[in-house]
Amino acid sequence: MNLQNLTEPKNLKVIAALVLVALILFIPKPQRIKYEYANMVSESTYWDGLGGSGVLFDAKASFVRLDKDTNHLHVCHSVTDTSNCLKYRVIENKGFTGYLLSFFE
């Protein structure tokens, strides 16, 4: 297979489709989660991120991580000082489908 065959329009479409499928499969997708702390329940969108630290879209936190083993959401307002971290209990994880459906609520 030479370079001229790869640049044909049909082959370019196949390559673009494969790249798109790979991106969909391997990039973390946002999730809709419901969590509670001190009998206060909240629901938000969590995105796992690419660098180990996630993002909770309605929180101004420096570090957020969802621990699926213990079912806890760790929210820290300073990466260097872990004494100000809060641990929330995840009640429900609606996943990516819940994230998409939240646009229609």
N, C-alpha and C. Protein backbone atom coordinates (compact mmCIF):
# COMPACT_ATOMS: atom_id res chain seq x y z
N MET A 1 0.85 -1.17 0.00
CA MET A 1 0.00 0.00 0.00
C MET A 1 0.89 1.24 0.00
N ASN A 2 0.70 2.10 -0.95
CA ASN A 2 1.54 3.29 -1.02
C ASN A 2 0.77 4.53 -0.60
N LEU A 3 1.46 5.65 -0.54
CA LEU A 3 0.88 6.91 -0.06
C LEU A 3 -0.23 7.40 -0.98
N GLN A 4 -0.13 7.12 -2.25
CA GLN A 4 -1.14 7.58 -3.19
C GLN A 4 -2.49 6.91 -2.93
N ASN A 5 -2.47 5.62 -2.52
CA ASN A 5 -3.72 4.93 -2.21
C ASN A 5 -4.36 5.47 -0.93
N LEU A 6 -3.55 5.88 0.04
CA LEU A 6 -4.08 6.41 1.30
C LEU A 6 -4.77 7.76 1.13
N THR A 7 -4.35 8.53 0.13
CA THR A 7 -4.92 9.86 -0.05
C THR A 7 -6.13 9.88 -0.97
N GLU A 8 -6.58 8.74 -1.42
CA GLU A 8 -7.81 8.69 -2.22
C GLU A 8 -8.99 9.04 -1.31
N PRO A 9 -10.00 9.71 -1.84
CA PRO A 9 -11.14 10.15 -1.00
C PRO A 9 -11.81 9.02 -0.23
N LYS A 10 -11.94 7.85 -0.83
CA LYS A 10 -12.58 6.73 -0.14
C LYS A 10 -11.76 6.30 1.08
N ASN A 11 -10.45 6.20 0.91
CA ASN A 11 -9.58 5.80 2.02
C ASN A 11 -9.49 6.87 3.10
N LEU A 12 -9.55 8.14 2.72
CA LEU A 12 -9.53 9.21 3.69
C LEU A 12 -10.77 9.17 4.58
N LYS A 13 -11.91 8.83 4.00
CA LYS A 13 -13.15 8.72 4.78
C LYS A 13 -13.06 7.57 5.78
N VAL A 14 -12.47 6.46 5.37
CA VAL A 14 -12.32 5.31 6.27
C VAL A 14 -11.37 5.66 7.42
N ILE A 15 -10.27 6.32 7.09
CA ILE A 15 -9.32 6.71 8.13
C ILE A 15 -9.96 7.70 9.10
N ALA A 16 -10.70 8.67 8.58
CA ALA A 16 -11.38 9.65 9.44
C ALA A 16 -12.40 8.96 10.34
N ALA A 17 -13.12 7.98 9.81
CA ALA A 17 -14.11 7.25 10.62
C ALA A 17 -13.42 6.45 11.72
N LEU A 18 -12.29 5.83 11.42
CA LEU A 18 -11.55 5.07 12.43
C LEU A 18 -11.01 5.98 13.53
N VAL A 19 -10.52 7.14 13.17
CA VAL A 19 -10.03 8.10 14.17
C VAL A 19 -11.17 8.58 15.05
N LEU A 20 -12.33 8.85 14.45
CA LEU A 20 -13.50 9.30 15.22
C LEU A 20 -13.97 8.22 16.20
N VAL A 21 -14.01 6.97 15.77
CA VAL A 21 -14.40 5.87 16.65
C VAL A 21 -13.40 5.72 17.80
N ALA A 22 -12.12 5.84 17.49
CA ALA A 22 -11.10 5.73 18.53
C ALA A 22 -11.25 6.86 19.56
N LEU A 23 -11.54 8.07 19.11
CA LEU A 23 -11.74 9.18 20.03
C LEU A 23 -12.96 8.95 20.92
N ILE A 24 -14.03 8.47 20.34
CA ILE A 24 -15.26 8.22 21.11
C ILE A 24 -15.02 7.14 22.16
N LEU A 25 -14.25 6.12 21.84
CA LEU A 25 -14.02 5.03 22.77
C LEU A 25 -13.04 5.37 23.89
N PHE A 26 -12.01 6.17 23.59
CA PHE A 26 -10.91 6.33 24.54
C PHE A 26 -10.91 7.64 25.31
N ILE A 27 -11.63 8.66 24.87
CA ILE A 27 -11.68 9.91 25.62
C ILE A 27 -12.77 9.79 26.68
N PRO A 28 -12.46 10.16 27.91
CA PRO A 28 -13.47 10.05 28.98
C PRO A 28 -14.71 10.90 28.68
N LYS A 29 -15.85 10.35 28.98
CA LYS A 29 -17.11 11.02 28.73
C LYS A 29 -17.69 11.56 30.04
N PRO A 30 -18.41 12.67 29.99
CA PRO A 30 -19.01 13.21 31.20
C PRO A 30 -20.09 12.27 31.75
N GLN A 31 -20.30 12.33 33.07
CA GLN A 31 -21.29 11.50 33.74
C GLN A 31 -22.16 12.38 34.62
N ARG A 32 -23.40 12.04 34.76
CA ARG A 32 -24.31 12.73 35.67
C ARG A 32 -24.34 11.95 36.97
N ILE A 33 -23.95 12.58 38.08
CA ILE A 33 -23.90 11.88 39.36
C ILE A 33 -24.73 12.63 40.41
N LYS A 34 -25.27 11.87 41.33
CA LYS A 34 -25.98 12.43 42.48
C LYS A 34 -25.18 12.03 43.70
N TYR A 35 -24.84 13.01 44.54
CA TYR A 35 -23.99 12.75 45.69
C TYR A 35 -24.54 13.48 46.91
N GLU A 36 -24.10 13.02 48.10
CA GLU A 36 -24.60 13.65 49.34
C GLU A 36 -23.48 13.79 50.36
N TYR A 37 -23.64 14.82 51.18
CA TYR A 37 -22.73 15.10 52.29
C TYR A 37 -23.56 15.77 53.39
N ALA A 38 -23.54 15.21 54.57
CA ALA A 38 -24.27 15.75 55.73
C ALA A 38 -25.76 15.92 55.40
N ASN A 39 -26.34 14.88 54.82
CA ASN A 39 -27.76 14.84 54.46
C ASN A 39 -28.17 15.90 53.45
N MET A 40 -27.22 16.48 52.74
CA MET A 40 -27.52 17.43 51.67
C MET A 40 -27.21 16.74 50.35
N VAL A 41 -28.22 16.61 49.49
CA VAL A 41 -28.07 15.89 48.23
C VAL A 41 -27.94 16.89 47.09
N SER A 42 -27.01 16.62 46.19
CA SER A 42 -26.80 17.47 45.03
C SER A 42 -26.58 16.58 43.80
N GLU A 43 -26.87 17.16 42.65
CA GLU A 43 -26.66 16.43 41.40
C GLU A 43 -25.85 17.32 40.47
N SER A 44 -24.85 16.74 39.82
CA SER A 44 -23.96 17.51 38.97
C SER A 44 -23.37 16.64 37.87
N THR A 45 -22.66 17.30 36.99
CA THR A 45 -21.97 16.61 35.90
C THR A 45 -20.50 16.51 36.25
N TYR A 46 -19.96 15.31 36.16
CA TYR A 46 -18.55 15.03 36.45
C TYR A 46 -17.89 14.54 35.17
N TRP A 47 -16.72 15.10 34.87
CA TRP A 47 -15.93 14.64 33.73
C TRP A 47 -14.58 14.19 34.26
N ASP A 48 -14.19 13.00 33.88
CA ASP A 48 -12.98 12.36 34.40
C ASP A 48 -11.69 13.10 34.05
N GLY A 49 -11.66 13.79 32.96
CA GLY A 49 -10.45 14.53 32.58
C GLY A 49 -9.37 13.61 32.04
N LEU A 50 -8.28 14.20 31.61
CA LEU A 50 -7.20 13.42 31.01
C LEU A 50 -5.96 13.36 31.88
N GLY A 51 -5.87 14.20 32.92
CA GLY A 51 -4.65 14.25 33.72
C GLY A 51 -4.79 13.66 35.10
N GLY A 52 -5.77 12.81 35.36
CA GLY A 52 -5.94 12.22 36.67
C GLY A 52 -6.91 12.97 37.56
N SER A 53 -7.03 14.27 37.34
CA SER A 53 -7.97 15.08 38.11
C SER A 53 -9.18 15.37 37.24
N GLY A 54 -10.34 15.15 37.79
CA GLY A 54 -11.56 15.39 37.04
C GLY A 54 -12.09 16.79 37.26
N VAL A 55 -13.28 17.04 36.71
CA VAL A 55 -13.94 18.33 36.82
C VAL A 55 -15.37 18.09 37.25
N LEU A 56 -15.79 18.80 38.28
CA LEU A 56 -17.19 18.81 38.70
C LEU A 56 -17.70 20.17 38.25
N PHE A 57 -18.63 20.18 37.28
CA PHE A 57 -18.95 21.40 36.57
C PHE A 57 -19.55 22.51 37.42
N ASP A 58 -20.17 22.20 38.55
CA ASP A 58 -20.73 23.28 39.36
C ASP A 58 -19.93 23.56 40.63
N ALA A 59 -18.70 23.07 40.70
CA ALA A 59 -17.86 23.29 41.88
C ALA A 59 -16.58 24.02 41.47
N LYS A 60 -16.15 24.93 42.30
CA LYS A 60 -14.89 25.64 42.06
C LYS A 60 -13.80 24.95 42.86
N ALA A 61 -13.43 23.78 42.42
CA ALA A 61 -12.44 22.97 43.13
C ALA A 61 -11.20 22.79 42.27
N SER A 62 -10.07 22.67 42.95
CA SER A 62 -8.80 22.46 42.25
C SER A 62 -8.60 21.00 41.85
N PHE A 63 -9.15 20.10 42.66
CA PHE A 63 -8.96 18.67 42.41
C PHE A 63 -10.26 17.93 42.72
N VAL A 64 -10.72 17.15 41.76
CA VAL A 64 -11.93 16.34 41.94
C VAL A 64 -11.62 14.95 41.39
N ARG A 65 -11.98 13.93 42.17
CA ARG A 65 -11.76 12.56 41.70
C ARG A 65 -12.92 11.69 42.16
N LEU A 66 -13.42 10.89 41.24
CA LEU A 66 -14.49 9.95 41.54
C LEU A 66 -13.86 8.58 41.75
N ASP A 67 -13.99 8.05 42.97
CA ASP A 67 -13.45 6.73 43.29
C ASP A 67 -14.58 5.72 43.13
N LYS A 68 -14.52 4.95 42.07
CA LYS A 68 -15.60 4.00 41.78
C LYS A 68 -15.57 2.79 42.69
N ASP A 69 -14.41 2.49 43.28
CA ASP A 69 -14.31 1.34 44.19
C ASP A 69 -15.06 1.61 45.50
N THR A 70 -14.86 2.79 46.07
CA THR A 70 -15.51 3.13 47.34
C THR A 70 -16.80 3.91 47.15
N ASN A 71 -17.09 4.31 45.91
CA ASN A 71 -18.29 5.08 45.59
C ASN A 71 -18.28 6.43 46.30
N HIS A 72 -17.12 7.10 46.29
CA HIS A 72 -16.98 8.41 46.90
C HIS A 72 -16.44 9.42 45.88
N LEU A 73 -16.84 10.65 46.06
CA LEU A 73 -16.36 11.76 45.25
C LEU A 73 -15.48 12.63 46.15
N HIS A 74 -14.22 12.78 45.78
CA HIS A 74 -13.27 13.57 46.57
C HIS A 74 -13.13 14.95 45.92
N VAL A 75 -13.43 16.00 46.67
CA VAL A 75 -13.37 17.37 46.17
C VAL A 75 -12.40 18.15 47.05
N CYS A 76 -11.33 18.68 46.44
CA CYS A 76 -10.32 19.44 47.17
C CYS A 76 -10.24 20.85 46.57
N HIS A 77 -10.12 21.84 47.45
CA HIS A 77 -10.03 23.22 46.99
C HIS A 77 -8.59 23.69 46.87
N SER A 78 -7.66 22.85 47.29
CA SER A 78 -6.24 23.14 47.13
C SER A 78 -5.52 21.81 46.91
N VAL A 79 -4.73 21.75 45.88
CA VAL A 79 -4.02 20.51 45.56
C VAL A 79 -2.92 20.24 46.58
N THR A 80 -2.28 21.28 47.09
CA THR A 80 -1.16 21.09 48.00
C THR A 80 -1.62 20.79 49.43
N ASP A 81 -2.74 21.37 49.86
CA ASP A 81 -3.22 21.17 51.23
C ASP A 81 -4.45 20.26 51.19
N THR A 82 -4.25 19.00 51.56
CA THR A 82 -5.36 18.04 51.49
C THR A 82 -6.28 18.08 52.70
N SER A 83 -6.00 18.98 53.65
CA SER A 83 -6.86 19.06 54.83
C SER A 83 -8.21 19.69 54.52
N ASN A 84 -8.32 20.37 53.39
CA ASN A 84 -9.58 20.99 53.04
C ASN A 84 -10.38 20.17 52.01
N CYS A 85 -10.07 18.91 51.89
CA CYS A 85 -10.79 18.02 50.97
C CYS A 85 -12.07 17.50 51.63
N LEU A 86 -13.10 17.37 50.84
CA LEU A 86 -14.36 16.81 51.31
C LEU A 86 -14.61 15.50 50.57
N LYS A 87 -15.21 14.56 51.28
CA LYS A 87 -15.52 13.26 50.68
C LYS A 87 -17.04 13.12 50.65
N TYR A 88 -17.59 13.09 49.45
CA TYR A 88 -19.03 12.95 49.25
C TYR A 88 -19.36 11.51 48.91
N ARG A 89 -20.49 11.04 49.36
CA ARG A 89 -20.94 9.69 49.02
C ARG A 89 -21.79 9.77 47.76
N VAL A 90 -21.43 8.99 46.76
CA VAL A 90 -22.19 8.98 45.50
C VAL A 90 -23.40 8.08 45.69
N ILE A 91 -24.58 8.67 45.50
CA ILE A 91 -25.83 7.94 45.64
C ILE A 91 -26.20 7.24 44.34
N GLU A 92 -26.01 7.96 43.25
CA GLU A 92 -26.42 7.42 41.94
C GLU A 92 -25.49 7.96 40.87
N ASN A 93 -25.06 7.09 39.97
CA ASN A 93 -24.26 7.47 38.82
C ASN A 93 -25.08 7.14 37.59
N LYS A 94 -25.58 8.19 36.92
CA LYS A 94 -26.42 7.99 35.74
C LYS A 94 -25.61 7.82 34.46
N GLY A 95 -24.31 8.03 34.55
CA GLY A 95 -23.43 7.80 33.41
C GLY A 95 -23.59 8.83 32.30
N PHE A 96 -23.09 8.47 31.14
CA PHE A 96 -23.12 9.36 29.98
C PHE A 96 -24.54 9.58 29.48
N THR A 97 -25.37 8.55 29.57
CA THR A 97 -26.76 8.68 29.13
C THR A 97 -27.49 9.71 30.00
N GLY A 98 -27.26 9.68 31.30
CA GLY A 98 -27.85 10.67 32.20
C GLY A 98 -27.38 12.08 31.89
N TYR A 99 -26.11 12.19 31.49
CA TYR A 99 -25.58 13.49 31.09
C TYR A 99 -26.33 14.02 29.88
N LEU A 100 -26.51 13.17 28.88
CA LEU A 100 -27.22 13.61 27.68
C LEU A 100 -28.68 13.95 27.98
N LEU A 101 -29.32 13.15 28.82
CA LEU A 101 -30.73 13.39 29.14
C LEU A 101 -30.91 14.64 30.01
N SER A 102 -29.86 15.08 30.70
CA SER A 102 -29.97 16.28 31.54
C SER A 102 -30.23 17.54 30.71
N PHE A 103 -29.93 17.51 29.45
CA PHE A 103 -30.20 18.67 28.59
C PHE A 103 -31.70 18.84 28.35
N PHE A 104 -32.46 17.78 28.52
CA PHE A 104 -33.91 17.83 28.26
C PHE A 104 -34.74 17.98 29.53
N GLU A 105 -34.11 18.15 30.67
CA GLU A 105 -34.85 18.31 31.93
C GLU A 105 -35.37 19.71 32.07
